[in-house]
Amino acid sequence: MRFITVAVACVALCAASANAGITGYTINNDGDGAINCALDSWIDEGEATYSMTIVGDQFWSPGHMVGEFVAPEDPSVRVRNIINNDTTFAWTSYRVNVYMNKVFTISTAPADLLVYGPAGWTATLTQQAAPIVGGQYMAIIDYTGAAPLAINDTLDFGYKMSFLGSIQYCQEMIPIPEPATMSLLAIGGLAALLRRKRN
């Protein structure tokens, strides 16, 4: 009878620890003013799976969200970003570089790598197998639109990532302007440089 009691207690303890998942987290802007985002919601979906929604505005490129997940187990997080275009140009695509200090994966399943809006935008993932300079692991997600995202419009996109235990996290967010706009920005930058040289 004692053996059964111990076995039941062990099963209950293992089940509790298997669902421990993330026990602490921080997500913040890096403070350079390029992007102003905040964690809007954090949902425990159970079985060490979570949903995180970030909302905010992007003023120039690139913008960075940095943070840490404290996790004794191996959790998964669905990241949803709702970002308003407050730059001075329309976005034809939007690159998200995800950096972590340990191995991680981003799901390629259609339900896990997607764009909620606007219609006609799609996602393409490039996962780096080996660490880059500085020992960071990296994944690149390119969100591309059939029509540009106009100034003051909102891009709503997301992905699911899985990782091993506690990890440091950085999401770098880079809106890409239309080719014509890029030319104007380059001309404007060159004109400013020439003005400085004359002075």
Protein backbone atom coordinates (compact mmCIF):
# COMPACT_ATOMS: atom_id res chain seq x y z
CA MET A 1 0.00 0.00 0.00
CA ARG A 2 2.88 2.35 0.73
CA PHE A 3 4.31 1.75 -2.77
CA ILE A 4 1.02 2.84 -4.42
CA THR A 5 0.92 6.05 -2.36
CA VAL A 6 4.51 6.93 -3.32
CA ALA A 7 3.84 6.12 -7.00
CA VAL A 8 0.73 8.36 -7.09
CA ALA A 9 2.64 11.21 -5.42
CA CYS A 10 5.49 10.83 -7.93
CA VAL A 11 3.09 10.93 -10.90
CA ALA A 12 1.41 14.06 -9.50
CA LEU A 13 4.78 15.77 -8.95
CA CYS A 14 6.05 14.92 -12.46
CA ALA A 15 2.82 16.17 -14.03
CA ALA A 16 3.09 19.45 -12.13
CA SER A 17 6.71 20.01 -13.16
CA ALA A 18 6.01 19.10 -16.81
CA ASN A 19 3.53 21.97 -17.01
CA ALA A 20 5.77 24.50 -15.24
CA GLY A 21 6.70 26.22 -18.52
CA ILE A 22 7.64 29.90 -18.17
CA THR A 23 7.88 31.18 -14.60
CA GLY A 24 8.99 34.74 -15.42
CA TYR A 25 9.42 37.02 -18.42
CA THR A 26 10.39 40.58 -19.41
CA ILE A 27 9.78 42.30 -22.76
CA ASN A 28 10.81 45.95 -23.30
CA ASN A 29 11.83 48.41 -26.01
CA ASP A 30 15.57 49.05 -26.18
CA GLY A 31 14.97 52.77 -25.56
CA ASP A 32 16.27 54.29 -28.81
CA GLY A 33 12.82 55.61 -29.78
CA ALA A 34 12.54 53.71 -33.07
CA ILE A 35 9.63 51.68 -31.79
CA ASN A 36 7.21 52.14 -28.91
CA CYS A 37 5.65 48.79 -28.02
CA ALA A 38 4.22 47.20 -24.91
CA LEU A 39 3.16 43.72 -23.86
CA ASP A 40 -0.63 43.84 -24.22
CA SER A 41 -1.50 40.31 -23.09
CA TRP A 42 0.13 37.13 -21.80
CA ILE A 43 -1.97 33.94 -21.91
CA ASP A 44 -1.05 30.52 -20.52
CA GLU A 45 -2.50 28.03 -23.00
CA GLY A 46 -1.42 25.02 -20.89
CA GLU A 47 1.13 22.28 -21.67
CA ALA A 48 3.95 24.88 -21.49
CA THR A 49 2.51 26.88 -24.41
CA TYR A 50 1.83 30.62 -24.17
CA SER A 51 0.44 33.46 -26.27
CA MET A 52 2.06 36.89 -26.13
CA THR A 53 0.59 39.96 -27.87
CA ILE A 54 2.66 43.12 -28.40
CA VAL A 55 1.08 46.37 -29.60
CA GLY A 56 2.74 49.62 -30.60
CA ASP A 57 4.02 52.11 -33.15
CA GLN A 58 7.16 52.15 -35.29
CA PHE A 59 8.73 55.52 -36.12
CA TRP A 60 11.91 54.49 -37.93
CA SER A 61 13.99 51.42 -38.72
CA PRO A 62 15.13 49.25 -37.08
CA GLY A 63 13.22 48.86 -33.82
CA HIS A 64 14.11 46.39 -31.07
CA MET A 65 12.16 44.52 -28.40
CA VAL A 66 14.41 42.81 -25.85
CA GLY A 67 13.68 40.55 -22.93
CA GLU A 68 14.12 37.24 -21.17
CA PHE A 69 12.05 34.12 -20.54
CA VAL A 70 12.69 32.19 -17.31
CA ALA A 71 11.70 28.59 -17.98
CA PRO A 72 12.73 25.39 -16.19
CA GLU A 73 11.07 23.36 -18.95
CA ASP A 74 11.00 23.63 -22.78
CA PRO A 75 8.14 26.01 -23.61
CA SER A 76 6.57 27.41 -26.79
CA VAL A 77 5.38 30.99 -27.22
CA ARG A 78 3.03 32.33 -29.88
CA VAL A 79 4.13 35.93 -30.52
CA ARG A 80 1.60 38.31 -32.08
CA ASN A 81 2.66 41.84 -33.07
CA ILE A 82 0.21 44.63 -33.91
CA ILE A 83 2.41 47.46 -35.21
CA ASN A 84 1.22 50.80 -36.60
CA ASN A 85 3.19 52.41 -39.43
CA ASP A 86 4.25 55.79 -38.03
CA THR A 87 7.26 56.08 -40.33
CA THR A 88 7.36 58.51 -43.27
CA PHE A 89 7.00 55.82 -45.94
CA ALA A 90 4.78 52.91 -47.03
CA TRP A 91 6.08 49.40 -46.23
CA THR A 92 6.39 46.88 -49.06
CA SER A 93 7.83 44.28 -46.68
CA TYR A 94 8.77 43.90 -43.04
CA ARG A 95 11.71 41.88 -41.75
CA VAL A 96 11.81 40.42 -38.25
CA ASN A 97 15.15 39.12 -36.99
CA VAL A 98 14.81 36.96 -33.88
CA TYR A 99 17.95 36.51 -31.78
CA MET A 100 18.43 34.22 -28.76
CA ASN A 101 21.43 33.12 -26.75
CA LYS A 102 20.48 29.42 -27.09
CA VAL A 103 19.13 27.12 -29.79
CA PHE A 104 15.47 27.78 -30.66
CA THR A 105 13.07 26.99 -33.48
CA ILE A 106 10.26 28.86 -35.21
CA SER A 107 7.41 26.75 -36.53
CA THR A 108 6.81 26.62 -40.29
CA ALA A 109 3.23 25.39 -39.89
CA PRO A 110 0.73 27.72 -41.65
CA ALA A 111 -1.19 28.16 -38.39
CA ASP A 112 2.01 29.24 -36.56
CA LEU A 113 3.70 31.55 -39.08
CA LEU A 114 1.14 33.99 -40.42
CA VAL A 115 -0.20 37.47 -41.06
CA TYR A 116 -3.55 38.40 -39.52
CA GLY A 117 -3.75 41.55 -41.66
CA PRO A 118 -3.75 43.23 -44.05
CA ALA A 119 -4.93 40.70 -46.62
CA GLY A 120 -2.42 39.57 -49.21
CA TRP A 121 0.64 39.61 -46.93
CA THR A 122 2.62 36.38 -46.48
CA ALA A 123 5.53 35.16 -44.33
CA THR A 124 8.80 33.44 -45.29
CA LEU A 125 11.14 31.93 -42.67
CA THR A 126 14.91 31.45 -42.76
CA GLN A 127 16.24 29.61 -39.69
CA GLN A 128 20.00 29.80 -39.07
CA ALA A 129 21.34 26.38 -37.96
CA ALA A 130 24.64 27.62 -36.50
CA PRO A 131 25.23 30.55 -34.15
CA ILE A 132 26.22 33.88 -35.68
CA VAL A 133 28.97 36.22 -34.43
CA GLY A 134 28.74 36.62 -30.66
CA GLY A 135 27.24 33.16 -30.16
CA GLN A 136 23.67 34.30 -30.87
CA TYR A 137 21.21 32.05 -32.69
CA MET A 138 19.05 33.75 -35.30
CA ALA A 139 15.93 33.35 -37.40
CA ILE A 140 14.73 35.73 -40.14
CA ILE A 141 11.06 36.18 -41.00
CA ASP A 142 10.17 38.27 -44.05
CA TYR A 143 6.58 39.51 -44.23
CA THR A 144 5.75 40.70 -47.76
CA GLY A 145 2.64 42.40 -49.07
CA ALA A 146 0.77 42.29 -52.34
CA ALA A 147 0.07 45.99 -51.74
CA PRO A 148 2.23 48.36 -49.62
CA LEU A 149 1.20 49.11 -46.05
CA ALA A 150 0.39 52.84 -46.07
CA ILE A 151 1.45 55.35 -43.42
CA ASN A 152 -0.85 55.04 -40.35
CA ASP A 153 -1.99 51.54 -41.38
CA THR A 154 -1.34 48.54 -39.14
CA LEU A 155 0.58 45.31 -39.75
CA ASP A 156 -0.66 42.41 -37.64
CA PHE A 157 1.62 39.36 -37.77
CA GLY A 158 2.88 36.49 -35.64
CA TYR A 159 4.95 33.35 -35.24
CA LYS A 160 5.39 30.46 -32.81
CA MET A 161 8.80 29.83 -31.26
CA SER A 162 10.06 26.99 -29.05
CA PHE A 163 13.23 26.94 -26.97
CA LEU A 164 15.12 25.07 -24.25
CA GLY A 165 14.86 26.47 -20.73
CA SER A 166 15.58 30.10 -19.77
CA ILE A 167 16.65 32.27 -22.67
CA GLN A 168 17.48 35.87 -23.66
CA TYR A 169 15.33 37.20 -26.51
CA CYS A 170 15.58 40.05 -29.03
CA GLN A 171 13.13 40.86 -31.80
CA GLU A 172 14.53 43.30 -34.39
CA MET A 173 11.81 44.86 -36.56
CA ILE A 174 12.75 46.40 -39.93
CA PRO A 175 10.14 47.96 -42.25
CA ILE A 176 11.25 48.08 -45.91
CA PRO A 177 10.08 51.07 -47.99
CA GLU A 178 8.94 51.05 -51.60
CA PRO A 179 11.85 51.25 -54.11
CA ALA A 180 10.83 54.78 -55.19
CA THR A 181 10.77 55.91 -51.57
CA MET A 182 14.17 54.32 -50.94
CA SER A 183 15.58 56.39 -53.82
CA LEU A 184 14.12 59.59 -52.35
CA LEU A 185 15.51 58.74 -48.91
CA ALA A 186 18.95 58.12 -50.43
CA ILE A 187 18.83 61.43 -52.35
CA GLY A 188 17.73 63.25 -49.19
CA GLY A 189 20.60 61.69 -47.23
CA LEU A 190 23.11 62.65 -49.93
CA ALA A 191 21.82 66.24 -50.03
CA ALA A 192 22.15 66.51 -46.25
CA LEU A 193 25.73 65.19 -46.45
CA LEU A 194 26.65 67.75 -49.15
CA ARG A 195 25.16 70.58 -47.08
CA ARG A 196 27.30 69.53 -44.09
CA LYS A 197 30.46 69.48 -46.22
CA ARG A 198 29.78 73.02 -47.49
CA ASN A 199 29.41 74.28 -43.94
